[in-house]
Amino acid sequence: MFYGLTSKSTRHLVYEMAVVDNLKFPASWKASKKAGTDWLIGFKERNPKWSLRQPEAASMARGTSFNRHNVATFIKKILRKFIER
């Protein structure tokens, strides 16, 4: 399941985007292959509505119930509701 980006994955993504877009960035970014923590702190201060969360473990029941049969049943029910409208 998607839980959003962690701080570490965000810093890696920012570094990759800076490289692809040929932007200037500190040498420390290149050495660690990720943006610095100072950049992340500044980003969070400039964008207080954005949150970076730690992923939470899903229960075993939730993980095992996500299978082909249950997904197909769910999609059929959703489609039925859309068709009824």
Protein backbone atom coordinates (compact mmCIF):
# COMPACT_ATOMS: atom_id res chain seq x y z
CA MET A 1 0.00 0.00 0.00
CA PHE A 2 1.12 3.53 -0.64
CA TYR A 3 1.94 5.53 2.48
CA GLY A 4 3.51 8.56 0.83
CA LEU A 5 7.16 9.53 0.76
CA THR A 6 9.48 9.20 3.70
CA SER A 7 12.09 11.87 4.40
CA LYS A 8 14.84 9.65 3.00
CA SER A 9 12.98 8.79 -0.22
CA THR A 10 12.07 12.47 -0.70
CA ARG A 11 15.71 13.48 -0.43
CA HIS A 12 16.69 10.81 -3.00
CA LEU A 13 13.95 11.95 -5.36
CA VAL A 14 14.97 15.61 -5.08
CA TYR A 15 18.59 14.71 -5.88
CA GLU A 16 17.53 12.69 -8.93
CA MET A 17 15.33 15.54 -10.17
CA ALA A 18 18.16 18.05 -9.73
CA VAL A 19 20.50 15.83 -11.76
CA VAL A 20 17.97 15.26 -14.56
CA ASP A 21 17.12 18.98 -14.74
CA ASN A 22 20.83 19.98 -14.68
CA LEU A 23 20.33 22.17 -11.60
CA LYS A 24 23.15 23.39 -9.38
CA PHE A 25 23.39 21.58 -6.05
CA PRO A 26 26.00 21.16 -3.31
CA ALA A 27 28.80 18.62 -3.73
CA SER A 28 27.59 16.85 -0.58
CA TRP A 29 24.42 15.89 -2.45
CA LYS A 30 26.46 14.15 -5.14
CA ALA A 31 28.52 12.25 -2.57
CA SER A 32 25.47 10.95 -0.71
CA LYS A 33 23.18 10.74 -3.78
CA LYS A 34 20.45 12.62 -1.91
CA ALA A 35 19.51 16.14 -0.87
CA GLY A 36 20.76 17.31 2.50
CA THR A 37 18.78 17.44 5.69
CA ASP A 38 19.12 21.24 5.67
CA TRP A 39 17.30 21.31 2.32
CA LEU A 40 14.54 19.09 3.74
CA ILE A 41 14.11 21.28 6.84
CA GLY A 42 13.88 24.38 4.63
CA PHE A 43 11.38 22.66 2.35
CA LYS A 44 9.19 21.71 5.31
CA GLU A 45 9.31 25.28 6.62
CA ARG A 46 8.32 26.70 3.22
CA ASN A 47 5.57 24.09 2.73
CA PRO A 48 3.95 23.43 6.12
CA LYS A 49 0.90 21.71 4.60
CA TRP A 50 3.02 18.91 3.14
CA SER A 51 3.80 16.09 5.52
CA LEU A 52 6.33 13.31 5.26
CA ARG A 53 5.29 10.26 7.22
CA GLN A 54 6.84 7.06 8.37
CA PRO A 55 5.13 4.00 6.86
CA GLU A 56 3.04 1.96 9.25
CA ALA A 57 2.92 -1.79 9.16
CA ALA A 58 -0.32 -3.36 7.93
CA SER A 59 -1.91 -6.22 9.80
CA MET A 60 -1.55 -9.76 8.48
CA ALA A 61 -5.31 -9.95 7.83
CA ARG A 62 -5.23 -6.78 5.74
CA GLY A 63 -2.25 -8.01 3.74
CA THR A 64 -3.72 -11.42 2.99
CA SER A 65 -7.18 -10.11 2.09
CA PHE A 66 -5.71 -8.12 -0.80
CA ASN A 67 -5.98 -10.88 -3.40
CA ARG A 68 -7.35 -11.31 -6.92
CA HIS A 69 -10.78 -12.59 -5.83
CA ASN A 70 -11.44 -9.81 -3.30
CA VAL A 71 -10.22 -7.09 -5.65
CA ALA A 72 -12.41 -8.41 -8.49
CA THR A 73 -15.43 -8.51 -6.16
CA PHE A 74 -14.76 -4.94 -5.04
CA ILE A 75 -14.42 -3.67 -8.62
CA LYS A 76 -17.66 -5.41 -9.65
CA LYS A 77 -19.51 -3.70 -6.79
CA ILE A 78 -18.05 -0.29 -7.67
CA LEU A 79 -18.95 -0.69 -11.34
CA ARG A 80 -22.47 -1.77 -10.42
CA LYS A 81 -22.89 1.44 -8.38
CA PHE A 82 -21.66 3.59 -11.26
CA ILE A 83 -23.99 1.86 -13.73
CA GLU A 84 -26.98 2.37 -11.40
CA ARG A 85 -26.51 6.13 -11.54
